Amino acid sequence: MSYLVLARKYRPRVFADMVGQENVAQTLRGAITDNRVGHAYLFSGPRGTGKTTTARIFAKALNCERGPTPDPCGECERCRAADDASEMDIIEIDAASNTGVDDVRLLRDQVAYAPMRARHKIYIIDEVHMLSRGAFNAFLKTLEEPPAHVKFLFATTDPQKVPETILSRCQVLKLAPIAEKTIRARLDHVFSAEGVHAETGVTEELARRARGGMRDALSLADQLLSLVGSEPKLADIARLGEGGGVEEFERVVERIAAHDPKGLLLALPETSGSEGEYLSGLLEYVRAALVVFVVGENSPLVAEAPERTRSMRTFAEKLGLERLQNWLEELIVARERLRVLPTHSRAILEATLLDLAREESTVPLAELAERLLALEQRLAEKGGGRAAVPHSNAAHAPAAPSRAPAPPTRAPSAPEPPERAHAAPQQPARADSDVLQPVARPTARTPAPAAAPHLASDRPRTLIGGTSDAWARFLEQLGTASTALAEALRLRGKLADLANGRALVQLSNLREAERALIFDARNQKAAANTLSKVVGTPIQVVFEDQSAVRAHKDEYTTKIAELFDGRIEDEG
């Protein structure tokens, strides 16, 4: 007899065997008990969470000779036929292989015939989102009013691709990723039944790597047993080459936090083409540390052992909330970049982690504020005046004195624009002076102008009212069509001007992959179409890459760079 893999051998046969999807199981059991069974159901969820298995159990429960019953007997002819996939009235169709209109027309013609032996003729259509648009349209009428003896059970990992006209004709049941502790308990049961003596922590690590999929967990367990036999050790899991272990993640994040690029590259394992899996695991680790830091070690949002959560909290407290959030955002962007440039996955992974390890890119905002305050005080002392120190009552503080000569008196017919009264400080009268005078700040008594006059400038004008809302709605709608493009624009762009049928989007700090993504002709057209829909009028979108724009190096910028021991890369 050929070997039957664990995922098939231990596949649930009744609702009581389902783990991690109790809500879905209870809904279907209640529908059968109360005689409220619909004609079409759609099961959606990530891979390996039990969508097709749930459909098969439901079909068996409806056709059981002692039913319909929420607890099929498993002994009658209909149940045995359903279990060994020989039931002629349960038709399973792979939509990925039958995507066309002709396939749906053939199915539609067969629906009219009564079942041969069972109570219902049940169609289980897997990956239904793979059907073409024409096939969905040909299916609408049959799906809305099928014969009484027909039931449709759909399964999909991507419900967003299923038309609303189809979803509205189905009862949609969402299967969630299975909790790690649930997967771990199931693996312990399977190992016990198979006579496997695993080292402590093996099932926990397999459950973590499964990412919420029971089938993935059993497949990894099969692979591990084939590799090392019936006594697997925790160290053996690293040989599977799928993602990374918690210990590996801890070593990597410690090197990043210590700003140790050499140690980071040495601690980074050889992922061998599984950089995406490794990055997802690292992302989950950082997210768990962030949750533990904010919510606490006993949070139900983190499925980790107590010793792990304590270690995560210690690490998170040392790192700080701001850096954790920054890490999380950068890792999310890196995962999207992997999808755009899969052939450079290793380089993207290393570049992302090295960028996080750069000391100058991770200075907390509170520390920056303290340094700027110290700079103002030093400049004021050298200039012979008091520093204009920002504090809670800054609105009532007197303006800092300046030794710069007063501007010439303007004629009454040409009052000076309000903006120039608060512009950058002018150069001192003494040619040999090397001290920059502090900026004079307006007092609370200075009246705000009713309307600022327009000044000729090469900079785009200030954002108009409602532009930020339009930008937010634009990113939200664009994200439904292209997640990577929307995320790149959210992180690197801003809507600087929106007027006269033209939108100016300024981009800064672009990486090469992001530049290729944003300046792709098709993506630019998609962005223009989306923004036009948002504002309700045709809009031309102009992208301006400011990464190469360099402004005049003034004395203030130079002193800031010297104080922070930095270098000026982009002065625009």
Protein backbone atom coordinates (compact mmCIF):
# COMPACT_ATOMS: atom_id res chain seq x y z
CA MET A 1 0.00 0.00 0.00
CA SER A 2 1.35 3.46 -0.90
CA TYR A 3 2.15 5.94 1.85
CA LEU A 4 -0.60 8.40 2.72
CA VAL A 5 0.73 11.80 3.78
CA LEU A 6 -0.24 13.10 7.20
CA ALA A 7 -2.31 15.97 5.78
CA ARG A 8 -4.62 13.46 4.06
CA LYS A 9 -4.47 10.74 6.70
CA TYR A 10 -5.59 13.08 9.48
CA ARG A 11 -8.01 15.22 7.46
CA PRO A 12 -11.23 15.78 9.47
CA ARG A 13 -14.21 13.63 8.46
CA VAL A 14 -16.91 15.25 10.62
CA PHE A 15 -17.53 18.71 12.06
CA ALA A 16 -16.36 17.57 15.51
CA ASP A 17 -12.88 16.86 14.11
CA MET A 18 -12.42 20.39 12.78
CA VAL A 19 -10.04 22.49 14.88
CA GLY A 20 -9.65 26.23 14.82
CA GLN A 21 -12.83 26.86 12.78
CA GLU A 22 -15.50 26.31 15.42
CA ASN A 23 -17.61 29.29 14.30
CA VAL A 24 -17.90 28.02 10.72
CA ALA A 25 -18.66 24.48 11.89
CA GLN A 26 -21.35 25.74 14.28
CA THR A 27 -22.96 27.84 11.53
CA LEU A 28 -23.26 24.86 9.18
CA ARG A 29 -24.48 22.53 11.93
CA GLY A 30 -27.14 25.07 12.89
CA ALA A 31 -28.27 25.45 9.27
CA ILE A 32 -28.80 21.69 9.00
CA THR A 33 -30.51 21.37 12.39
CA ASP A 34 -32.92 24.26 11.73
CA ASN A 35 -33.53 23.24 8.09
CA ARG A 36 -32.13 26.57 6.85
CA VAL A 37 -29.61 25.23 4.34
CA GLY A 38 -28.94 27.70 1.53
CA HIS A 39 -28.35 26.80 -2.09
CA ALA A 40 -24.84 28.34 -2.33
CA TYR A 41 -21.97 28.82 0.12
CA LEU A 42 -18.56 30.39 -0.38
CA PHE A 43 -15.72 29.43 1.96
CA SER A 44 -12.84 31.91 1.95
CA GLY A 45 -9.58 32.01 3.85
CA PRO A 46 -5.80 31.49 3.65
CA ARG A 47 -4.31 28.29 2.33
CA GLY A 48 -4.46 25.20 4.50
CA THR A 49 -7.21 26.43 6.82
CA GLY A 50 -9.81 23.82 5.78
CA LYS A 51 -12.00 25.35 3.07
CA THR A 52 -12.33 22.27 0.84
CA THR A 53 -12.44 19.96 3.86
CA THR A 54 -15.35 21.95 5.31
CA ALA A 55 -17.20 21.73 1.99
CA ARG A 56 -16.72 17.95 1.85
CA ILE A 57 -17.97 17.45 5.40
CA PHE A 58 -20.99 19.65 4.68
CA ALA A 59 -21.77 17.69 1.50
CA LYS A 60 -21.54 14.40 3.38
CA ALA A 61 -23.82 15.72 6.14
CA LEU A 62 -26.46 16.74 3.58
CA ASN A 63 -26.43 13.37 1.78
CA CYS A 64 -26.11 11.02 4.76
CA GLU A 65 -28.86 8.38 4.63
CA ARG A 66 -29.72 9.18 8.25
CA GLY A 67 -29.91 12.88 7.56
CA PRO A 68 -29.55 15.57 6.64
CA THR A 69 -27.72 15.55 9.95
CA PRO A 70 -24.99 17.69 11.52
CA ASP A 71 -23.30 14.44 12.59
CA PRO A 72 -23.03 12.11 9.57
CA CYS A 73 -22.75 8.47 10.56
CA GLY A 74 -19.77 7.59 8.38
CA GLU A 75 -21.14 4.07 7.95
CA CYS A 76 -23.91 4.32 5.35
CA GLU A 77 -23.21 3.93 1.64
CA ARG A 78 -23.44 7.67 0.98
CA CYS A 79 -20.97 8.52 3.75
CA ARG A 80 -18.48 5.86 2.67
CA ALA A 81 -18.73 7.01 -0.94
CA ALA A 82 -18.13 10.62 0.14
CA ASP A 83 -15.10 9.62 2.20
CA ASP A 84 -13.39 7.69 -0.60
CA ALA A 85 -14.33 10.29 -3.27
CA SER A 86 -16.46 7.84 -5.27
CA GLU A 87 -19.82 9.58 -4.78
CA MET A 88 -21.14 10.43 -8.24
CA ASP A 89 -23.48 13.13 -6.93
CA ILE A 90 -20.67 15.11 -5.29
CA ILE A 91 -18.80 16.75 -8.16
CA GLU A 92 -15.52 18.50 -7.38
CA ILE A 93 -14.30 20.97 -10.00
CA ASP A 94 -10.96 22.78 -10.12
CA ALA A 95 -11.80 26.27 -11.40
CA ALA A 96 -8.14 26.87 -12.28
CA SER A 97 -8.41 24.18 -14.97
CA ASN A 98 -11.97 24.97 -16.06
CA THR A 99 -12.01 28.72 -16.39
CA GLY A 100 -13.93 29.32 -19.62
CA VAL A 101 -17.51 30.03 -20.58
CA ASP A 102 -17.87 26.61 -22.24
CA ASP A 103 -17.01 24.83 -18.99
CA VAL A 104 -19.70 26.75 -17.12
CA ARG A 105 -22.24 26.14 -19.88
CA LEU A 106 -21.60 22.40 -19.63
CA LEU A 107 -22.07 22.55 -15.86
CA ARG A 108 -25.25 24.59 -16.32
CA ASP A 109 -26.68 21.93 -18.65
CA GLN A 110 -25.91 19.12 -16.18
CA VAL A 111 -27.51 20.93 -13.23
CA ALA A 112 -31.01 20.19 -14.54
CA TYR A 113 -30.57 16.42 -14.13
CA ALA A 114 -31.65 14.86 -10.83
CA PRO A 115 -29.05 13.17 -8.60
CA MET A 116 -28.41 9.51 -9.37
CA ARG A 117 -28.34 8.10 -5.83
CA ALA A 118 -27.95 10.82 -3.22
CA ARG A 119 -30.44 13.33 -1.85
CA HIS A 120 -28.62 16.33 -3.37
CA LYS A 121 -26.36 16.93 -6.32
CA ILE A 122 -23.54 19.00 -4.82
CA TYR A 123 -20.92 20.93 -6.78
CA ILE A 124 -17.69 21.78 -4.94
CA ILE A 125 -15.78 24.36 -7.00
CA ASP A 126 -12.26 25.02 -5.69
CA GLU A 127 -10.41 28.31 -6.33
CA VAL A 128 -13.56 29.79 -7.83
CA HIS A 129 -11.89 33.19 -8.27
CA MET A 130 -9.96 31.70 -11.22
CA LEU A 131 -13.09 31.66 -13.39
CA SER A 132 -13.09 34.20 -16.19
CA ARG A 133 -15.42 37.18 -16.23
CA GLY A 134 -17.48 35.59 -18.99
CA ALA A 135 -17.76 32.34 -17.03
CA PHE A 136 -19.03 34.22 -13.97
CA ASN A 137 -21.63 36.01 -16.09
CA ALA A 138 -22.80 32.73 -17.61
CA PHE A 139 -23.17 31.34 -14.08
CA LEU A 140 -25.32 34.11 -12.60
CA LYS A 141 -28.82 32.89 -13.42
CA THR A 142 -28.13 29.28 -12.50
CA LEU A 143 -26.54 30.31 -9.20
CA GLU A 144 -29.43 32.58 -8.28
CA GLU A 145 -32.23 30.05 -8.94
CA PRO A 146 -30.82 26.52 -9.09
CA PRO A 147 -33.05 23.41 -8.96
CA ALA A 148 -34.06 22.34 -5.45
CA HIS A 149 -31.81 19.28 -5.53
CA VAL A 150 -28.60 21.28 -6.31
CA LYS A 151 -26.17 22.86 -3.84
CA PHE A 152 -23.09 24.92 -4.77
CA LEU A 153 -20.09 25.01 -2.42
CA PHE A 154 -17.29 27.37 -3.48
CA ALA A 155 -13.80 27.73 -2.03
CA THR A 156 -11.32 30.55 -2.64
CA THR A 157 -8.17 32.06 -1.20
CA ASP A 158 -8.86 35.40 -2.91
CA PRO A 159 -12.49 36.50 -2.43
CA GLN A 160 -11.66 40.02 -3.68
CA LYS A 161 -11.47 38.60 -7.20
CA VAL A 162 -14.95 37.13 -7.03
CA PRO A 163 -17.54 39.54 -8.52
CA GLU A 164 -20.03 41.12 -6.14
CA THR A 165 -22.86 39.63 -8.21
CA ILE A 166 -21.59 36.17 -7.27
CA LEU A 167 -20.91 37.00 -3.61
CA SER A 168 -24.42 38.43 -3.18
CA ARG A 169 -25.90 35.09 -4.25
CA CYS A 170 -23.88 33.09 -1.71
CA GLN A 171 -23.57 32.78 2.03
CA VAL A 172 -19.94 33.77 2.65
CA LEU A 173 -18.14 32.00 5.50
CA LYS A 174 -14.62 33.17 6.33
CA LEU A 175 -12.10 30.71 7.74
CA ALA A 176 -9.44 32.43 9.83
CA PRO A 177 -5.78 31.41 10.21
CA ILE A 178 -5.56 28.75 12.91
CA ALA A 179 -3.93 29.72 16.20
CA GLU A 180 -0.45 28.36 16.85
CA LYS A 181 -1.47 26.69 20.10
CA THR A 182 -4.26 24.87 18.26
CA ILE A 183 -1.88 23.65 15.56
CA ARG A 184 0.62 22.63 18.21
CA ALA A 185 -1.98 20.54 20.04
CA ARG A 186 -3.01 18.86 16.79
CA LEU A 187 0.62 18.03 15.94
CA ASP A 188 1.11 16.55 19.41
CA HIS A 189 -1.92 14.32 18.78
CA VAL A 190 -0.65 13.25 15.34
CA PHE A 191 2.87 12.50 16.65
CA SER A 192 1.42 10.46 19.46
CA ALA A 193 -0.71 8.44 17.03
CA GLU A 194 2.28 7.92 14.71
CA GLY A 195 4.65 6.88 17.50
CA VAL A 196 6.92 9.91 17.02
CA HIS A 197 9.01 11.03 20.01
CA ALA A 198 9.80 14.66 19.34
CA GLU A 199 12.00 16.89 21.46
CA THR A 200 10.27 19.62 23.46
CA GLY A 201 9.64 22.65 21.28
CA VAL A 202 9.51 20.83 17.93
CA THR A 203 5.75 21.03 17.49
CA GLU A 204 5.78 24.62 18.73
CA GLU A 205 8.33 25.63 16.07
CA LEU A 206 6.47 23.72 13.34
CA ALA A 207 3.25 25.50 14.32
CA ARG A 208 4.99 28.87 14.15
CA ARG A 209 6.36 28.19 10.69
CA ALA A 210 2.96 27.02 9.42
CA ARG A 211 1.64 30.63 9.56
CA GLY A 212 -1.88 29.57 10.54
CA GLY A 213 -2.26 26.69 8.05
CA MET A 214 -2.92 23.20 9.41
CA ARG A 215 -2.04 21.56 6.11
CA ASP A 216 1.29 23.41 6.01
CA ALA A 217 2.05 22.25 9.55
CA LEU A 218 1.38 18.59 8.70
CA SER A 219 3.37 18.88 5.47
CA LEU A 220 6.35 20.31 7.39
CA ALA A 221 6.01 17.51 9.92
CA ASP A 222 6.05 14.94 7.09
CA GLN A 223 9.16 16.54 5.64
CA LEU A 224 10.89 16.60 9.03
CA LEU A 225 10.14 12.92 9.73
CA SER A 226 11.42 11.96 6.30
CA LEU A 227 14.63 13.90 6.99
CA VAL A 228 15.53 12.77 10.52
CA GLY A 229 13.24 9.87 11.45
CA SER A 230 10.85 9.40 14.35
CA GLU A 231 12.91 11.27 16.97
CA PRO A 232 13.23 14.82 15.62
CA LYS A 233 15.18 17.46 17.54
CA LEU A 234 14.56 21.19 17.63
CA ALA A 235 17.87 21.82 15.86
CA ASP A 236 16.75 19.59 12.96
CA ILE A 237 14.02 22.05 11.96
CA ALA A 238 16.63 24.52 10.73
CA ARG A 239 17.54 21.98 8.05
CA LEU A 240 14.10 22.30 6.49
CA GLY A 241 15.11 25.63 4.97
CA GLU A 242 11.66 27.18 5.44
CA GLY A 243 11.86 30.62 7.05
CA GLY A 244 13.81 30.83 10.32
CA GLY A 245 13.60 29.89 13.96
CA VAL A 246 12.89 32.23 16.84
CA GLU A 247 16.49 31.94 18.02
CA GLU A 248 17.69 33.07 14.59
CA PHE A 249 15.36 36.06 14.66
CA GLU A 250 16.56 37.02 18.13
CA ARG A 251 20.20 36.96 17.01
CA VAL A 252 19.42 39.07 13.94
CA VAL A 253 17.39 41.75 15.76
CA GLU A 254 20.03 42.00 18.46
CA ARG A 255 22.67 42.76 15.82
CA ILE A 256 20.37 45.33 14.19
CA ALA A 257 19.68 47.02 17.52
CA ALA A 258 23.42 47.11 18.26
CA HIS A 259 24.15 48.79 14.88
CA ASP A 260 26.50 45.93 13.99
CA PRO A 261 26.35 45.40 10.20
CA LYS A 262 29.11 42.76 10.18
CA GLY A 263 27.49 40.75 12.96
CA LEU A 264 24.13 41.14 11.23
CA LEU A 265 25.32 39.60 7.97
CA LEU A 266 27.02 36.78 9.85
CA ALA A 267 23.87 36.07 11.88
CA LEU A 268 21.64 36.12 8.78
CA PRO A 269 21.08 32.48 7.72
CA GLU A 270 21.42 31.16 4.20
CA THR A 271 17.81 31.34 3.07
CA SER A 272 18.35 29.61 -0.31
CA GLY A 273 15.46 31.18 -2.18
CA SER A 274 13.09 31.39 0.81
CA GLU A 275 13.79 35.04 1.59
CA GLY A 276 10.08 35.82 1.49
CA GLU A 277 9.33 33.22 4.15
CA TYR A 278 12.20 34.45 6.28
CA LEU A 279 11.11 38.07 5.97
CA SER A 280 7.53 37.14 6.89
CA GLY A 281 8.79 35.32 9.99
CA LEU A 282 10.95 38.28 11.01
CA LEU A 283 8.00 40.58 10.44
CA GLU A 284 5.84 38.45 12.72
CA TYR A 285 8.54 38.47 15.40
CA VAL A 286 8.85 42.29 15.37
CA ARG A 287 5.06 42.66 15.34
CA ALA A 288 4.78 40.30 18.35
CA ALA A 289 7.44 42.29 20.22
CA LEU A 290 5.56 45.51 19.48
CA VAL A 291 2.26 44.04 20.74
CA VAL A 292 3.88 42.68 23.90
CA PHE A 293 5.48 46.07 24.56
CA VAL A 294 2.19 47.97 24.14
CA VAL A 295 -0.39 45.51 25.51
CA GLY A 296 1.58 43.28 27.86
CA GLU A 297 3.04 39.79 28.06
CA ASN A 298 -0.32 38.07 28.59
CA SER A 299 -1.95 39.51 25.47
CA PRO A 300 -4.11 37.01 23.53
CA LEU A 301 -2.86 38.72 20.36
CA VAL A 302 0.51 36.96 20.71
CA ALA A 303 0.63 33.15 20.65
CA GLU A 304 4.04 32.67 22.23
CA ALA A 305 5.31 30.82 25.29
CA PRO A 306 5.67 32.93 28.48
CA GLU A 307 9.48 32.81 28.36
CA ARG A 308 9.38 34.07 24.78
CA THR A 309 7.08 36.99 25.60
CA ARG A 310 9.28 38.02 28.53
CA SER A 311 12.31 38.02 26.24
CA MET A 312 10.38 40.03 23.63
CA ARG A 313 9.31 42.61 26.19
CA THR A 314 12.88 43.09 27.41
CA PHE A 315 14.08 43.55 23.85
CA ALA A 316 11.22 45.94 23.00
CA GLU A 317 11.82 48.09 26.07
CA LYS A 318 15.49 48.44 25.13
CA LEU A 319 14.63 49.31 21.54
CA GLY A 320 11.71 51.71 22.12
CA LEU A 321 8.31 52.09 20.50
CA GLU A 322 9.43 54.48 17.74
CA ARG A 323 12.14 52.18 16.40
CA LEU A 324 9.86 49.15 16.59
CA GLN A 325 7.25 50.96 14.50
CA ASN A 326 9.91 52.04 12.03
CA TRP A 327 11.18 48.46 11.72
CA LEU A 328 7.67 47.15 11.16
CA GLU A 329 6.96 49.65 8.38
CA GLU A 330 10.28 49.03 6.62
CA LEU A 331 9.84 45.24 6.73
CA ILE A 332 6.35 45.54 5.24
CA VAL A 333 7.73 47.64 2.38
CA ALA A 334 10.57 45.15 1.88
CA ARG A 335 8.09 42.30 1.56
CA GLU A 336 6.31 44.17 -1.21
CA ARG A 337 9.64 44.84 -2.92
CA LEU A 338 10.37 41.11 -2.91
CA ARG A 339 7.23 40.54 -4.95
CA VAL A 340 8.30 43.16 -7.49
CA LEU A 341 11.93 41.96 -7.81
CA PRO A 342 11.96 38.26 -6.84
CA THR A 343 15.30 37.64 -8.60
CA HIS A 344 17.04 40.02 -6.17
CA SER A 345 15.42 38.72 -2.99
CA ARG A 346 18.65 38.18 -1.07
CA ALA A 347 19.97 41.64 -1.91
CA ILE A 348 16.66 43.27 -0.89
CA LEU A 349 16.65 41.37 2.42
CA GLU A 350 20.24 42.33 3.26
CA ALA A 351 19.82 45.96 2.17
CA THR A 352 16.68 46.37 4.27
CA LEU A 353 18.24 44.95 7.43
CA LEU A 354 21.47 46.92 6.96
CA ASP A 355 19.42 50.09 6.54
CA LEU A 356 17.65 49.38 9.84
CA ALA A 357 21.03 48.87 11.49
CA ARG A 358 22.29 52.33 10.45
CA GLU A 359 22.68 54.40 13.59
CA GLU A 360 21.90 57.74 12.00
CA SER A 361 18.57 56.52 10.64
CA THR A 362 17.20 55.51 14.02
CA VAL A 363 17.61 58.60 16.24
CA PRO A 364 14.47 58.99 18.41
CA LEU A 365 12.47 62.18 17.92
CA ALA A 366 12.82 63.10 21.59
CA GLU A 367 16.61 63.03 21.25
CA LEU A 368 16.43 65.17 18.10
CA ALA A 369 14.35 67.75 19.96
CA GLU A 370 16.90 67.89 22.77
CA ARG A 371 19.76 68.37 20.30
CA LEU A 372 17.93 71.18 18.49
CA LEU A 373 17.25 72.89 21.82
CA ALA A 374 20.95 72.68 22.70
CA LEU A 375 21.84 74.11 19.27
CA GLU A 376 19.58 77.14 19.76
CA GLN A 377 21.13 77.83 23.14
CA ARG A 378 24.67 77.59 21.76
CA LEU A 379 23.91 79.85 18.81
CA ALA A 380 22.21 82.41 21.06
CA GLU A 381 25.17 82.49 23.47
CA LYS A 382 27.66 83.05 20.65
CA GLY A 383 25.43 85.75 19.14
CA GLY A 384 25.12 87.66 22.41
CA GLY A 385 21.40 87.11 22.86
CA ARG A 386 19.03 84.69 24.55
CA ALA A 387 17.85 81.57 22.78
CA ALA A 388 14.25 81.38 21.73
CA VAL A 389 13.55 78.18 23.62
CA PRO A 390 10.30 76.43 22.70
CA HIS A 391 8.05 75.53 25.64
CA SER A 392 4.41 75.28 26.53
CA ASN A 393 4.01 79.07 26.78
CA ALA A 394 6.00 79.85 23.64
CA ALA A 395 3.12 81.88 22.25
CA HIS A 396 3.65 84.51 24.97
CA ALA A 397 7.46 84.55 24.93
CA PRO A 398 9.25 87.66 23.59
CA ALA A 399 11.00 87.37 20.25
CA ALA A 400 14.75 86.66 20.36
CA PRO A 401 16.87 89.69 19.46
CA SER A 402 18.89 89.75 16.28
CA ARG A 403 21.89 91.86 15.30
CA ALA A 404 20.96 91.79 11.63
CA PRO A 405 20.21 95.25 10.21
CA ALA A 406 16.56 96.15 9.92
CA PRO A 407 15.13 95.97 6.41
CA PRO A 408 14.60 99.28 4.61
CA THR A 409 11.36 101.10 5.25
CA ARG A 410 8.72 100.36 2.66
CA ALA A 411 6.36 102.94 1.24
CA PRO A 412 2.86 102.95 2.75
CA SER A 413 1.41 102.00 -0.61
CA ALA A 414 3.38 98.75 -0.64
CA PRO A 415 3.12 97.07 2.77
CA GLU A 416 5.49 94.17 3.33
CA PRO A 417 3.85 90.75 2.91
CA PRO A 418 3.32 88.94 6.21
CA GLU A 419 5.37 85.92 5.07
CA ARG A 420 8.56 87.99 4.80
CA ALA A 421 8.23 89.21 8.38
CA HIS A 422 8.91 85.62 9.50
CA ALA A 423 11.27 84.47 6.76
CA ALA A 424 14.72 82.90 7.29
CA PRO A 425 17.15 85.21 9.17
CA GLN A 426 19.28 87.53 7.08
CA GLN A 427 23.07 87.46 7.12
CA PRO A 428 24.80 89.57 9.82
CA ALA A 429 26.22 92.97 8.86
CA ARG A 430 29.75 91.97 9.93
CA ALA A 431 31.52 90.16 7.11
CA ASP A 432 33.78 88.21 9.49
CA SER A 433 30.98 86.87 11.65
CA ASP A 434 30.73 83.07 11.73
CA VAL A 435 27.71 82.91 14.02
CA LEU A 436 24.21 82.35 12.70
CA GLN A 437 21.68 84.56 14.45
CA PRO A 438 18.63 82.84 16.02
CA VAL A 439 15.36 83.09 14.20
CA ALA A 440 13.05 85.84 15.49
CA ARG A 441 9.72 84.25 16.40
CA PRO A 442 6.36 86.05 16.19
CA THR A 443 4.64 86.93 19.43
CA ALA A 444 1.07 86.14 20.34
CA ARG A 445 0.14 89.78 19.62
CA THR A 446 1.02 89.48 15.93
CA PRO A 447 -2.32 89.33 14.04
CA ALA A 448 -2.71 86.55 11.49
CA PRO A 449 -3.35 87.83 7.95
CA ALA A 450 -6.76 87.18 6.50
CA ALA A 451 -5.33 86.02 3.20
CA ALA A 452 -1.66 85.66 2.31
CA PRO A 453 -0.68 87.13 -1.06
CA HIS A 454 0.77 84.81 -3.65
CA LEU A 455 4.56 84.97 -3.89
CA ALA A 456 6.38 83.98 -7.05
CA SER A 457 8.43 80.89 -6.21
CA ASP A 458 9.71 77.71 -7.76
CA ARG A 459 8.10 75.72 -4.98
CA PRO A 460 4.55 74.34 -5.34
CA ARG A 461 1.92 76.29 -3.54
CA THR A 462 0.67 75.34 -0.11
CA LEU A 463 -1.82 72.50 0.09
CA ILE A 464 -5.34 73.66 -0.46
CA GLY A 465 -8.23 72.62 1.77
CA GLY A 466 -9.43 69.09 1.14
CA THR A 467 -6.30 68.01 -0.73
CA SER A 468 -5.09 65.81 2.12
CA ASP A 469 -8.47 64.06 2.19
CA ALA A 470 -8.30 63.49 -1.56
CA TRP A 471 -4.81 62.05 -1.18
CA ALA A 472 -5.94 59.67 1.57
CA ARG A 473 -8.94 58.46 -0.46
CA PHE A 474 -6.72 58.12 -3.53
CA LEU A 475 -4.26 55.86 -1.67
CA GLU A 476 -7.11 53.79 -0.25
CA GLN A 477 -8.69 53.15 -3.65
CA LEU A 478 -5.34 52.59 -5.36
CA GLY A 479 -4.48 49.98 -2.74
CA THR A 480 -7.32 47.76 -3.92
CA ALA A 481 -5.73 47.54 -7.38
CA SER A 482 -2.00 47.72 -6.54
CA THR A 483 -0.92 47.35 -2.92
CA ALA A 484 2.77 47.83 -3.72
CA LEU A 485 2.21 51.06 -5.68
CA ALA A 486 -0.07 52.55 -3.04
CA GLU A 487 2.37 51.70 -0.24
CA ALA A 488 5.30 53.23 -2.13
CA LEU A 489 3.37 56.46 -2.73
CA ARG A 490 2.21 56.60 0.89
CA LEU A 491 5.77 56.28 2.21
CA ARG A 492 7.68 58.32 -0.37
CA GLY A 493 5.20 60.79 -1.84
CA LYS A 494 2.98 63.70 -0.96
CA LEU A 495 0.33 65.57 -2.94
CA ALA A 496 1.90 69.03 -3.21
CA ASP A 497 -0.55 70.70 -5.60
CA LEU A 498 -3.97 69.93 -7.03
CA ALA A 499 -5.47 72.53 -9.35
CA ASN A 500 -6.49 73.17 -12.95
CA GLY A 501 -6.71 69.48 -13.87
CA ARG A 502 -3.15 68.77 -12.71
CA ALA A 503 -1.82 67.02 -9.61
CA LEU A 504 1.81 67.38 -8.55
CA VAL A 505 3.12 64.47 -6.45
CA GLN A 506 6.53 65.05 -4.90
CA LEU A 507 8.67 61.96 -4.23
CA SER A 508 11.65 61.75 -1.91
CA ASN A 509 14.15 59.11 -0.74
CA LEU A 510 13.10 56.74 -3.52
CA ARG A 511 14.74 53.36 -3.73
CA GLU A 512 15.49 51.85 -7.11
CA ALA A 513 12.66 49.32 -6.97
CA GLU A 514 10.19 52.00 -5.90
CA ARG A 515 11.33 54.34 -8.66
CA ALA A 516 10.83 51.60 -11.28
CA LEU A 517 7.40 50.82 -9.83
CA ILE A 518 6.13 54.42 -9.69
CA PHE A 519 7.47 55.58 -13.05
CA ASP A 520 6.12 52.56 -14.92
CA ALA A 521 3.80 53.88 -17.63
CA ARG A 522 0.95 51.55 -16.74
CA ASN A 523 1.17 52.41 -13.05
CA GLN A 524 1.17 56.14 -13.83
CA LYS A 525 -1.95 55.69 -15.94
CA ALA A 526 -3.62 53.70 -13.16
CA ALA A 527 -2.75 56.44 -10.65
CA ALA A 528 -4.21 59.13 -12.90
CA ASN A 529 -7.43 57.16 -13.43
CA THR A 530 -7.83 56.50 -9.71
CA LEU A 531 -7.26 60.13 -8.70
CA SER A 532 -9.68 61.29 -11.43
CA LYS A 533 -12.37 59.07 -9.93
CA VAL A 534 -11.67 60.39 -6.45
CA VAL A 535 -11.94 64.09 -7.37
CA GLY A 536 -14.66 63.56 -9.99
CA THR A 537 -12.83 65.24 -12.88
CA PRO A 538 -10.03 64.22 -15.27
CA ILE A 539 -6.64 64.79 -13.61
CA GLN A 540 -3.14 64.64 -15.03
CA VAL A 541 -0.72 63.26 -12.42
CA VAL A 542 2.86 64.54 -12.54
CA PHE A 543 5.48 62.73 -10.42
CA GLU A 544 8.46 64.84 -9.35
CA ASP A 545 11.47 62.96 -7.97
CA GLN A 546 13.13 65.31 -5.51
CA SER A 547 15.91 62.90 -4.60
CA ALA A 548 18.26 64.65 -7.06
CA VAL A 549 17.12 68.20 -6.28
CA ARG A 550 19.79 70.02 -4.32
CA ALA A 551 19.34 73.42 -2.74
CA HIS A 552 21.94 76.03 -1.83
CA LYS A 553 24.11 74.93 1.11
CA ASP A 554 23.55 77.64 3.72
CA GLU A 555 25.35 78.21 7.00
CA TYR A 556 22.49 76.91 9.14
CA THR A 557 22.40 73.55 7.34
CA THR A 558 26.17 73.22 7.71
CA LYS A 559 26.04 73.83 11.47
CA ILE A 560 23.21 71.32 11.88
CA ALA A 561 25.27 68.67 10.06
CA GLU A 562 28.31 69.44 12.21
CA LEU A 563 26.34 69.26 15.46
CA PHE A 564 24.81 65.88 14.59
CA ASP A 565 28.05 64.46 13.11
CA GLY A 566 26.18 63.85 9.87
CA ARG A 567 26.54 64.48 6.18
CA ILE A 568 24.24 66.33 3.79
CA GLU A 569 22.86 63.85 1.25
CA ASP A 570 19.73 65.70 0.08
CA GLU A 571 19.56 69.42 0.74
CA GLY A 572 16.25 69.96 -1.07
